[in-house]
Amino acid sequence: AFNTLRELVKHCEKSVFSNHIFGYHVMGGDAGEWYWPGQFSHGGITGYSEPTEQLFRAFLKKKYNHDASALSRAWKSPGITFDSVVIPSPEERFASENFIFRDPDKTGKISDLRQFLMERTLYCVTNVCRIIKETAGKDKLVSVYYGYPMLYAGKMNLAFSGLQTASEIFRSPYIDRIATPIDYEMRRGGESGVSINGFNGSAELYGKSIWREEDSTTHLNPVFRNGRTSTLRETNEVKRRAFGYTIAGFYGMWYCWQMPLHGFHQDEIMEDAAKMKRIADAAVNTSRKSITEVAVIFDEKDSLTYTSANTGGRFVNQCTWDVYRQLHRAGAPFDLYFVDDLDHPKMPDYKLYIFLNAWSVTPEMRKKIHSKLSRGNPTVIWQYAPGYLNGKNFSLENMKELTGIGFSEKRIFTKIGEELVKVSDSPLLNGISTLGTPTLGPVFSASDKDSEILLRSGER
C-alpha cells in the first residue's frame, strides 16, 4: 500500500497539472478519519481479526522484551505466553473495577491493547504522510482528519478506535494541517458550532494549522440533515459564525459539500461571502496578537485509558467535551493544550489554568505541572478527581500532593442532587443555580481543614 501511494504521488507531481496541487489531504480507515474498520460506520467493537491479533502479539513481544514472565506479571496471568495471547473479550474491555475508573494494577491487558491500537493508528497515519511529504516535496502541504479524543472522552468509541494520539500528530514533521468537522449536535444558528479539534494552543507550539470543516447544510437543501438551517438569515449567520471563529481563533476553514445542487445558489449568500473576503483581506495586514489569559488542559492518554468504556461515560463527557463547548460562551478567549505540552519551552504562562481531566498524574507529570504553575501565581481549577491515579494505583495522597487539598472518598456510584447549598458569599458563586444531576462514582469530598468549601450538593 505504501509503494502504491508513493507511485501515485509521483504520477501527480510529474503531471501537467502539478503546479495546481498545493497539498494532499490524506484519508484512511473508517469514514476516512482513521477509525479502525467497522468502528465508526457500524459501531463495532474492533480488534478481533487474525492479523490484528498477530500484530498485538508482536507489539507485546517488543514491549516486554520477549520476556513472557514480565508479561505474566503485568497481566496477572500465570503461564501465559506471547503465542497464547488473545485479544481481551468485549466483557473485559467494558468492565470497571472502580465505577468510572479502571484499576491500573488489574487491567494490564486492557491498557496494553489500547496502547497497541493507538500506536498502530499513529504508525499508519504518520507513515502515509511521511511518504507523501518525501515524495511531493516539503513545499506541498499535507493534511489529515484527526483530533477527536475530547469529543469521544466519555464514549465507547475512544476505547476501540485508537484515536488517543492527537498530541503525537501535532508533533509529526510530516503533517501541516489537522482538520475535523464542526460539532454535529450544536451547529445551527444560536448554537456554539465549535470545532471538534480545538487544540489551538498545541497547534501554535508545533507550527500546525487547524482547519474547521464546515459541512452544515443550508436552507436550500430539501432534506433536514447535518444541522440544516431554516432560513436565509440563519444560513448567513451560521456562515458568519464560521468566519468569525476563523478570524478570531487562528483557524483555517473549508466548506465540505454534503447536499444536492445549489446549496449556496442565492445572491444574498454570495454577497455575504464577498463581504467576508474583503474583511479577510484587510485582516492580513492587521495585528492579531493573542490576548488570551486562560489555558485549558486536557489529558487524552492515561486519564482516558483508565476510564471505563461503559460506566459513567456521560459524566466523563460532562467534564470534558461539555465544558469545552460552554467555554465558548464564557466571554473570555482560551487556548487548549494537551497535558504533554506543559513543559514545552514556548508555551506561554497564563493567569488561569483549567484542568479538565487530570485523573491520572504520575509523579513525573506532577513535577511538570507544578513547575508550570509555579510561575506568575496563577489561579488553577481542578475538576473531579485530580490525581486520583498515580500511574500504579488509586491514591488520595497523590491528589493532595497535586492540588494541596486533602480528600476523602466514598466508593459508591450515585446521582448528585440538583439542590445546591451555598456555604460562602464568594463572588465565584454568582450566577450558579444548578449542577444538573450528574451520575458518578467514586464520590470525593474536600477533607482538608485549611480548605474553604463554597458549595455543597447532596446525593440523591
Protein backbone atom coordinates (compact mmCIF):
# COMPACT_ATOMS: atom_id res chain seq x y z
CA ALA A 1 0.00 0.00 0.00
CA PHE A 2 2.84 2.41 0.83
CA ASN A 3 4.53 1.73 -2.52
CA THR A 4 1.26 2.28 -4.37
CA LEU A 5 0.82 5.61 -2.60
CA ARG A 6 4.35 6.68 -3.45
CA GLU A 7 3.82 5.90 -7.13
CA LEU A 8 0.51 7.77 -7.14
CA VAL A 9 2.12 10.91 -5.71
CA LYS A 10 4.97 10.65 -8.22
CA HIS A 11 2.43 10.46 -11.02
CA CYS A 12 0.60 13.55 -9.76
CA GLU A 13 3.80 15.56 -9.32
CA LYS A 14 5.02 14.69 -12.84
CA SER A 15 1.73 15.55 -14.47
CA VAL A 16 0.94 18.75 -16.40
CA PHE A 17 -1.29 19.96 -13.57
CA SER A 18 1.29 19.50 -10.77
CA ASN A 19 1.69 23.26 -10.36
CA HIS A 20 -2.01 23.40 -9.39
CA ILE A 21 -1.52 21.00 -6.48
CA PHE A 22 -0.72 22.88 -3.28
CA GLY A 23 -1.26 19.94 -0.94
CA TYR A 24 -2.67 16.48 -0.21
CA HIS A 25 -5.45 15.64 2.20
CA VAL A 26 -4.96 12.09 3.45
CA MET A 27 -7.89 9.89 4.45
CA GLY A 28 -7.76 6.35 5.80
CA GLY A 29 -9.65 3.90 7.99
CA ASP A 30 -13.36 4.03 8.63
CA ALA A 31 -15.04 7.28 7.48
CA GLY A 32 -11.66 8.44 6.18
CA GLU A 33 -10.95 9.65 9.73
CA TRP A 34 -8.67 6.80 10.85
CA TYR A 35 -11.16 4.84 12.92
CA TRP A 36 -10.43 1.13 12.94
CA PRO A 37 -12.54 -0.52 10.20
CA GLY A 38 -16.13 -1.09 11.27
CA GLN A 39 -15.89 1.07 14.38
CA PHE A 40 -17.47 4.24 13.04
CA SER A 41 -19.89 3.08 10.37
CA HIS A 42 -21.26 0.09 12.27
CA GLY A 43 -20.37 0.87 15.89
CA GLY A 44 -18.41 -2.35 16.07
CA ILE A 45 -16.01 -3.46 18.79
CA THR A 46 -12.79 -3.63 16.83
CA GLY A 47 -9.69 -5.75 17.16
CA TYR A 48 -10.82 -9.33 16.58
CA SER A 49 -9.30 -10.13 13.20
CA GLU A 50 -6.46 -12.62 12.98
CA PRO A 51 -3.96 -10.04 11.58
CA THR A 52 -4.77 -7.71 14.49
CA GLU A 53 -4.11 -10.48 16.98
CA GLN A 54 -0.77 -11.29 15.34
CA LEU A 55 0.26 -7.62 15.38
CA PHE A 56 -0.80 -7.35 19.02
CA ARG A 57 1.43 -10.29 19.93
CA ALA A 58 4.35 -8.65 18.11
CA PHE A 59 3.67 -5.40 19.98
CA LEU A 60 3.76 -7.25 23.32
CA LYS A 61 7.00 -9.05 22.48
CA LYS A 62 8.64 -5.72 21.80
CA LYS A 63 7.19 -4.02 24.88
CA TYR A 64 8.18 -6.82 27.26
CA ASN A 65 11.50 -7.56 25.53
CA HIS A 66 10.41 -11.12 24.68
CA ASP A 67 10.14 -11.88 28.42
CA ALA A 68 6.96 -13.92 28.94
CA SER A 69 7.35 -13.76 32.72
CA ALA A 70 7.17 -9.95 32.57
CA LEU A 71 4.00 -10.22 30.50
CA SER A 72 2.59 -12.72 33.00
CA ARG A 73 3.20 -10.34 35.92
CA ALA A 74 1.76 -7.32 34.11
CA TRP A 75 -1.36 -9.19 33.06
CA LYS A 76 -1.75 -11.17 36.29
CA SER A 77 -1.94 -14.27 34.06
CA PRO A 78 0.30 -17.13 35.27
CA GLY A 79 1.64 -19.32 32.47
CA ILE A 80 0.70 -17.03 29.61
CA THR A 81 2.99 -16.94 26.59
CA PHE A 82 3.17 -14.50 23.72
CA ASP A 83 1.83 -17.14 21.36
CA SER A 84 -1.18 -17.82 23.59
CA VAL A 85 -2.23 -14.17 23.84
CA VAL A 86 -5.72 -13.41 22.56
CA ILE A 87 -7.50 -10.09 22.26
CA PRO A 88 -9.40 -9.42 25.53
CA SER A 89 -13.12 -10.12 25.29
CA PRO A 90 -15.71 -7.33 24.95
CA GLU A 91 -16.79 -8.05 28.52
CA GLU A 92 -13.26 -7.44 29.77
CA ARG A 93 -12.96 -4.24 27.76
CA PHE A 94 -16.30 -2.91 29.05
CA ALA A 95 -15.65 -3.83 32.69
CA SER A 96 -14.85 -1.47 35.54
CA GLU A 97 -13.06 -2.07 38.84
CA ASN A 98 -13.94 1.27 40.43
CA PHE A 99 -17.04 2.67 38.71
CA ILE A 100 -15.75 5.36 36.30
CA PHE A 101 -12.16 4.17 36.63
CA ARG A 102 -10.15 1.11 35.65
CA ASP A 103 -7.55 -0.14 38.13
CA PRO A 104 -4.04 0.08 36.55
CA ASP A 105 -2.87 -2.78 38.76
CA LYS A 106 -5.56 -5.14 37.47
CA THR A 107 -6.03 -4.14 33.85
CA GLY A 108 -2.64 -4.60 32.22
CA LYS A 109 -4.08 -6.45 29.25
CA ILE A 110 -6.69 -3.73 28.61
CA SER A 111 -4.25 -0.82 28.80
CA ASP A 112 -1.79 -2.75 26.61
CA LEU A 113 -4.49 -3.32 24.00
CA ARG A 114 -5.47 0.34 23.97
CA GLN A 115 -1.82 1.33 23.68
CA PHE A 116 -1.43 -1.06 20.77
CA LEU A 117 -4.47 0.40 18.98
CA MET A 118 -3.05 3.88 19.47
CA GLU A 119 0.44 3.04 18.26
CA ARG A 120 -0.83 1.16 15.22
CA THR A 121 -3.11 4.04 14.23
CA LEU A 122 -0.28 6.52 14.69
CA TYR A 123 2.04 4.32 12.63
CA CYS A 124 -0.39 4.26 9.71
CA VAL A 125 -1.17 7.98 9.75
CA THR A 126 2.38 9.25 10.12
CA ASN A 127 3.89 6.87 7.60
CA VAL A 128 1.33 7.70 4.94
CA CYS A 129 2.01 11.40 5.49
CA ARG A 130 5.77 10.81 5.52
CA ILE A 131 5.66 9.13 2.13
CA ILE A 132 3.63 11.98 0.64
CA LYS A 133 5.87 14.65 2.14
CA GLU A 134 9.07 12.95 0.98
CA THR A 135 7.71 12.25 -2.49
CA ALA A 136 5.89 15.50 -3.21
CA GLY A 137 8.41 17.78 -1.55
CA LYS A 138 8.39 19.96 1.53
CA ASP A 139 6.55 22.80 -0.23
CA LYS A 140 3.37 20.73 -0.58
CA LEU A 141 1.02 20.79 2.40
CA VAL A 142 -0.13 17.52 3.94
CA SER A 143 -3.32 17.39 5.99
CA VAL A 144 -5.34 14.70 7.78
CA TYR A 145 -8.58 14.33 9.66
CA TYR A 146 -7.67 13.96 13.33
CA GLY A 147 -8.22 15.42 16.81
CA TYR A 148 -11.25 13.58 18.22
CA PRO A 149 -10.21 12.50 21.77
CA MET A 150 -12.22 15.16 23.62
CA LEU A 151 -15.37 14.53 21.60
CA TYR A 152 -15.18 10.83 22.46
CA ALA A 153 -13.82 11.15 26.00
CA GLY A 154 -16.96 9.70 27.57
CA LYS A 155 -18.00 7.44 24.72
CA MET A 156 -17.10 3.86 23.92
CA ASN A 157 -15.75 4.98 20.53
CA LEU A 158 -12.46 6.04 22.08
CA ALA A 159 -11.76 2.69 23.68
CA PHE A 160 -11.94 0.90 20.32
CA SER A 161 -10.79 3.48 17.80
CA GLY A 162 -7.12 4.08 18.67
CA LEU A 163 -7.60 7.85 18.33
CA GLN A 164 -5.83 8.90 21.54
CA THR A 165 -2.71 10.10 19.72
CA ALA A 166 -3.68 13.59 18.59
CA SER A 167 -0.82 15.13 20.59
CA GLU A 168 1.60 12.97 18.59
CA ILE A 169 0.00 14.03 15.32
CA PHE A 170 0.65 17.66 16.25
CA ARG A 171 4.32 16.80 16.76
CA SER A 172 4.77 15.00 13.46
CA PRO A 173 7.11 16.75 11.00
CA TYR A 174 5.16 15.24 8.09
CA ILE A 175 1.79 16.86 8.84
CA ASP A 176 0.95 20.52 8.28
CA ARG A 177 -2.79 20.73 8.77
CA ILE A 178 -5.24 18.85 11.01
CA ALA A 179 -8.94 19.03 10.18
CA THR A 180 -12.23 17.95 11.72
CA PRO A 181 -15.86 18.81 11.10
CA ILE A 182 -17.63 21.13 13.50
CA ASP A 183 -19.83 19.86 16.33
CA TYR A 184 -22.66 17.88 14.75
CA GLU A 185 -25.03 18.36 17.69
CA MET A 186 -24.81 22.14 18.09
CA ARG A 187 -24.21 23.77 14.72
CA ARG A 188 -27.39 25.67 13.95
CA GLY A 189 -27.94 29.39 14.43
CA GLY A 190 -27.66 30.44 18.09
CA GLU A 191 -25.57 27.36 18.94
CA SER A 192 -21.83 27.28 19.56
CA GLY A 193 -20.76 25.42 16.38
CA VAL A 194 -17.35 24.60 17.81
CA SER A 195 -14.56 22.77 16.05
CA ILE A 196 -14.19 19.16 17.18
CA ASN A 197 -10.44 19.71 17.14
CA GLY A 198 -9.96 22.84 19.22
CA PHE A 199 -6.35 22.38 20.32
CA ASN A 200 -5.25 25.79 19.11
CA GLY A 201 -2.60 26.16 21.81
CA SER A 202 -0.89 22.91 20.84
CA ALA A 203 -1.12 23.84 17.16
CA GLU A 204 0.72 27.10 17.84
CA LEU A 205 3.50 25.29 19.71
CA TYR A 206 4.19 22.87 16.87
CA GLY A 207 3.55 25.13 13.90
CA LYS A 208 0.43 23.34 12.73
CA SER A 209 -2.76 24.70 11.23
CA ILE A 210 -6.20 23.57 12.43
CA TRP A 211 -8.94 23.58 9.80
CA ARG A 212 -12.65 23.70 10.53
CA GLU A 213 -14.66 21.64 8.09
CA GLU A 214 -17.96 23.48 7.70
CA ASP A 215 -20.26 20.78 6.34
CA SER A 216 -23.55 22.27 7.54
CA THR A 217 -26.40 22.25 5.05
CA THR A 218 -28.28 25.40 4.12
CA HIS A 219 -31.97 26.27 3.95
CA LEU A 220 -31.87 25.43 0.24
CA ASN A 221 -31.42 21.74 0.98
CA PRO A 222 -34.75 19.85 0.72
CA VAL A 223 -33.57 17.31 3.31
CA PHE A 224 -33.19 18.15 7.01
CA ARG A 225 -29.75 16.77 7.92
CA ASN A 226 -26.39 17.86 9.33
CA GLY A 227 -27.75 20.92 11.12
CA ARG A 228 -29.74 22.23 8.15
CA THR A 229 -30.70 25.88 8.55
CA SER A 230 -34.30 27.01 8.08
CA THR A 231 -34.00 30.50 6.61
CA LEU A 232 -31.65 32.70 4.63
CA ARG A 233 -30.96 34.71 7.78
CA GLU A 234 -29.91 31.58 9.70
CA THR A 235 -27.77 30.38 6.79
CA ASN A 236 -25.82 33.64 6.68
CA GLU A 237 -25.45 33.80 10.47
CA VAL A 238 -24.03 30.26 10.56
CA LYS A 239 -21.55 31.16 7.82
CA ARG A 240 -20.61 34.36 9.66
CA ARG A 241 -20.02 32.39 12.85
CA ALA A 242 -17.65 30.08 10.99
CA PHE A 243 -15.81 33.05 9.55
CA GLY A 244 -15.62 34.70 12.96
CA TYR A 245 -14.01 31.64 14.51
CA THR A 246 -11.52 31.60 11.66
CA ILE A 247 -10.52 35.25 12.01
CA ALA A 248 -10.51 35.39 15.82
CA GLY A 249 -9.27 31.89 16.58
CA PHE A 250 -6.50 31.45 14.00
CA TYR A 251 -8.30 28.57 12.32
CA GLY A 252 -8.42 27.68 8.68
CA MET A 253 -11.81 26.78 7.21
CA TRP A 254 -13.21 24.92 4.26
CA TYR A 255 -16.72 24.08 3.12
CA CYS A 256 -17.47 20.40 2.56
CA TRP A 257 -20.36 19.72 0.18
CA GLN A 258 -22.90 17.25 1.61
CA MET A 259 -26.08 18.22 -0.17
CA PRO A 260 -27.77 18.40 -3.59
CA LEU A 261 -27.04 21.11 -6.12
CA HIS A 262 -27.47 24.81 -5.47
CA GLY A 263 -26.63 24.79 -1.75
CA PHE A 264 -25.26 28.35 -1.96
CA HIS A 265 -27.12 29.34 -5.12
CA GLN A 266 -28.66 32.56 -3.84
CA ASP A 267 -27.42 36.09 -4.39
CA GLU A 268 -27.67 37.10 -0.73
CA ILE A 269 -25.42 34.20 0.33
CA MET A 270 -22.74 35.01 -2.21
CA GLU A 271 -22.90 38.74 -1.44
CA ASP A 272 -22.29 37.92 2.22
CA ALA A 273 -19.35 35.72 1.21
CA ALA A 274 -17.87 38.61 -0.75
CA LYS A 275 -18.03 40.82 2.35
CA MET A 276 -16.17 38.15 4.33
CA LYS A 277 -13.49 38.02 1.67
CA ARG A 278 -12.91 41.78 1.97
CA ILE A 279 -12.67 41.52 5.77
CA ALA A 280 -10.21 38.63 5.45
CA ASP A 281 -8.01 40.59 3.05
CA ALA A 282 -7.89 43.51 5.49
CA ALA A 283 -7.13 41.22 8.43
CA VAL A 284 -3.90 40.06 6.79
CA ASN A 285 -2.38 43.47 7.48
CA THR A 286 -3.84 43.84 10.97
CA SER A 287 -2.18 42.81 14.23
CA ARG A 288 -3.86 39.68 15.58
CA LYS A 289 -1.65 39.10 18.59
CA SER A 290 -3.33 36.87 21.14
CA ILE A 291 -4.59 38.41 24.39
CA THR A 292 -5.65 35.06 25.86
CA GLU A 293 -5.08 34.62 29.60
CA VAL A 294 -6.80 31.25 30.08
CA ALA A 295 -5.28 27.82 29.33
CA VAL A 296 -7.43 24.69 29.24
CA ILE A 297 -5.54 21.42 29.76
CA PHE A 298 -6.73 18.02 28.55
CA ASP A 299 -5.20 14.56 29.01
CA GLU A 300 -6.01 12.27 26.09
CA LYS A 301 -3.77 9.40 27.22
CA ASP A 302 -3.55 7.88 30.70
CA SER A 303 -6.55 9.66 32.19
CA LEU A 304 -8.76 8.34 29.40
CA THR A 305 -7.08 4.95 29.16
CA TYR A 306 -8.02 4.30 32.79
CA THR A 307 -11.65 5.33 32.48
CA SER A 308 -14.30 2.74 31.80
CA ALA A 309 -15.59 2.36 28.26
CA ASN A 310 -19.07 1.87 29.68
CA THR A 311 -19.61 3.17 33.22
CA GLY A 312 -20.10 6.86 33.88
CA GLY A 313 -19.49 7.90 30.29
CA ARG A 314 -22.00 10.74 30.42
CA PHE A 315 -20.23 12.29 33.42
CA VAL A 316 -16.83 11.97 31.74
CA ASN A 317 -18.32 13.76 28.74
CA GLN A 318 -19.69 16.50 31.01
CA CYS A 319 -16.22 17.06 32.48
CA THR A 320 -14.54 17.39 29.11
CA TRP A 321 -16.47 17.96 25.88
CA ASP A 322 -19.39 19.78 27.52
CA VAL A 323 -17.06 22.15 29.39
CA TYR A 324 -15.18 22.87 26.17
CA ARG A 325 -18.47 23.71 24.45
CA GLN A 326 -19.59 26.02 27.25
CA LEU A 327 -16.26 27.84 27.46
CA HIS A 328 -17.02 29.33 24.05
CA ARG A 329 -19.79 31.28 25.81
CA ALA A 330 -17.67 32.34 28.80
CA GLY A 331 -16.80 35.76 27.43
CA ALA A 332 -13.05 35.18 27.64
CA PRO A 333 -10.84 33.57 24.98
CA PHE A 334 -8.88 30.45 25.90
CA ASP A 335 -6.13 28.27 24.47
CA LEU A 336 -6.50 24.49 24.55
CA TYR A 337 -3.49 22.24 25.17
CA PHE A 338 -2.64 18.63 25.81
CA VAL A 339 -1.15 17.97 29.24
CA ASP A 340 2.05 16.80 27.48
CA ASP A 341 2.61 20.40 26.35
CA LEU A 342 3.08 21.88 29.83
CA ASP A 343 6.86 21.62 29.75
CA HIS A 344 7.18 22.96 26.20
CA PRO A 345 9.57 25.95 26.37
CA LYS A 346 7.37 28.01 24.03
CA MET A 347 4.14 27.56 25.96
CA PRO A 348 3.12 30.95 27.42
CA ASP A 349 2.25 31.46 31.07
CA TYR A 350 -1.42 32.13 31.84
CA LYS A 351 -3.42 33.71 34.65
CA LEU A 352 -5.89 30.82 34.80
CA TYR A 353 -5.42 27.10 34.16
CA ILE A 354 -8.40 24.76 33.88
CA PHE A 355 -7.52 21.05 34.14
CA LEU A 356 -10.43 19.17 32.60
CA ASN A 357 -9.49 15.59 33.41
CA ALA A 358 -6.22 15.32 35.33
CA TRP A 359 -7.34 11.98 36.74
CA SER A 360 -4.10 10.09 36.15
CA VAL A 361 -0.99 12.01 37.15
CA THR A 362 2.32 10.23 37.63
CA PRO A 363 5.00 11.73 39.91
CA GLU A 364 6.89 12.82 36.78
CA MET A 365 3.86 14.57 35.33
CA ARG A 366 3.12 16.15 38.70
CA LYS A 367 6.54 17.80 38.66
CA LYS A 368 5.88 19.21 35.18
CA ILE A 369 2.52 20.57 36.28
CA HIS A 370 3.91 22.16 39.43
CA SER A 371 6.80 23.67 37.51
CA LYS A 372 4.38 25.35 35.13
CA LEU A 373 2.05 26.53 37.88
CA SER A 374 4.91 27.98 39.92
CA ARG A 375 5.25 30.90 37.50
CA GLY A 376 3.15 34.04 37.78
CA ASN A 377 0.94 32.97 40.72
CA PRO A 378 -1.95 31.72 38.53
CA THR A 379 -5.37 30.51 39.60
CA VAL A 380 -5.99 26.80 38.97
CA ILE A 381 -9.30 25.00 38.54
CA TRP A 382 -9.19 21.26 39.16
CA GLN A 383 -12.23 19.27 38.15
CA TYR A 384 -13.35 15.91 39.52
CA ALA A 385 -10.75 13.51 41.00
CA PRO A 386 -7.47 15.32 40.14
CA GLY A 387 -4.54 12.95 40.56
CA TYR A 388 -6.68 10.03 41.76
CA LEU A 389 -4.49 7.63 39.81
CA ASN A 390 -0.73 7.86 40.20
CA GLY A 391 0.21 5.54 37.34
CA LYS A 392 0.07 2.42 39.51
CA ASN A 393 -3.00 2.59 41.74
CA PHE A 394 -5.60 4.86 43.31
CA SER A 395 -4.16 7.40 45.72
CA LEU A 396 -5.78 10.13 47.83
CA GLU A 397 -2.28 11.16 48.84
CA ASN A 398 -1.42 11.79 45.19
CA MET A 399 -4.50 14.02 44.95
CA LYS A 400 -3.27 16.11 47.88
CA GLU A 401 0.29 16.32 46.55
CA LEU A 402 -1.06 17.52 43.22
CA THR A 403 -3.65 20.05 44.43
CA GLY A 404 -2.68 20.85 48.03
CA ILE A 405 -6.17 19.76 49.11
CA GLY A 406 -6.95 16.76 51.29
CA PHE A 407 -9.74 14.49 50.06
CA SER A 408 -11.91 11.67 51.36
CA GLU A 409 -13.79 9.28 49.12
CA LYS A 410 -16.83 7.06 49.03
CA ARG A 411 -16.64 4.18 46.60
CA ILE A 412 -20.24 4.42 45.53
CA PHE A 413 -21.94 5.19 42.24
CA THR A 414 -24.61 7.81 42.78
CA LYS A 415 -26.54 10.69 41.32
CA ILE A 416 -25.75 14.09 42.78
CA GLY A 417 -28.85 16.09 43.68
CA GLU A 418 -29.93 19.28 41.97
CA GLU A 419 -30.27 21.21 45.23
CA LEU A 420 -27.18 23.30 45.89
CA VAL A 421 -26.36 24.78 49.28
CA LYS A 422 -24.12 27.83 49.23
CA VAL A 423 -21.94 27.96 52.33
CA SER A 424 -19.98 31.02 51.27
CA ASP A 425 -20.59 34.54 49.96
CA SER A 426 -17.76 34.18 47.46
CA PRO A 427 -18.34 36.05 44.17
CA LEU A 428 -17.23 32.85 42.44
CA LEU A 429 -20.74 31.55 43.08
CA ASN A 430 -22.51 34.38 41.29
CA GLY A 431 -24.90 33.01 38.71
CA ILE A 432 -24.60 29.37 39.82
CA SER A 433 -28.00 27.77 40.29
CA THR A 434 -27.62 24.10 39.45
CA LEU A 435 -25.05 21.48 38.53
CA GLY A 436 -27.64 19.27 36.88
CA THR A 437 -27.82 15.72 38.19
CA PRO A 438 -24.56 14.02 37.21
CA THR A 439 -24.17 10.34 37.98
CA LEU A 440 -20.67 9.49 39.13
CA GLY A 441 -18.54 7.32 41.33
CA PRO A 442 -16.41 7.25 43.32
CA VAL A 443 -17.50 10.40 45.17
CA PHE A 444 -14.94 12.79 46.67
CA SER A 445 -15.16 15.45 49.37
CA ALA A 446 -12.62 18.01 50.48
CA SER A 447 -11.49 16.96 53.95
CA ASP A 448 -8.65 19.40 54.49
CA LYS A 449 -9.29 21.75 57.44
CA ASP A 450 -7.43 24.52 55.60
CA SER A 451 -9.72 24.33 52.56
CA GLU A 452 -12.67 26.68 52.22
CA ILE A 453 -15.78 24.97 50.94
CA LEU A 454 -18.00 27.27 48.90
CA LEU A 455 -20.81 24.98 47.83
CA ARG A 456 -22.31 21.67 48.78
CA SER A 457 -24.54 19.32 46.82
CA GLY A 458 -26.33 16.40 48.35
CA GLU A 459 -26.57 12.88 46.95
CA ARG A 460 -29.95 11.84 45.64
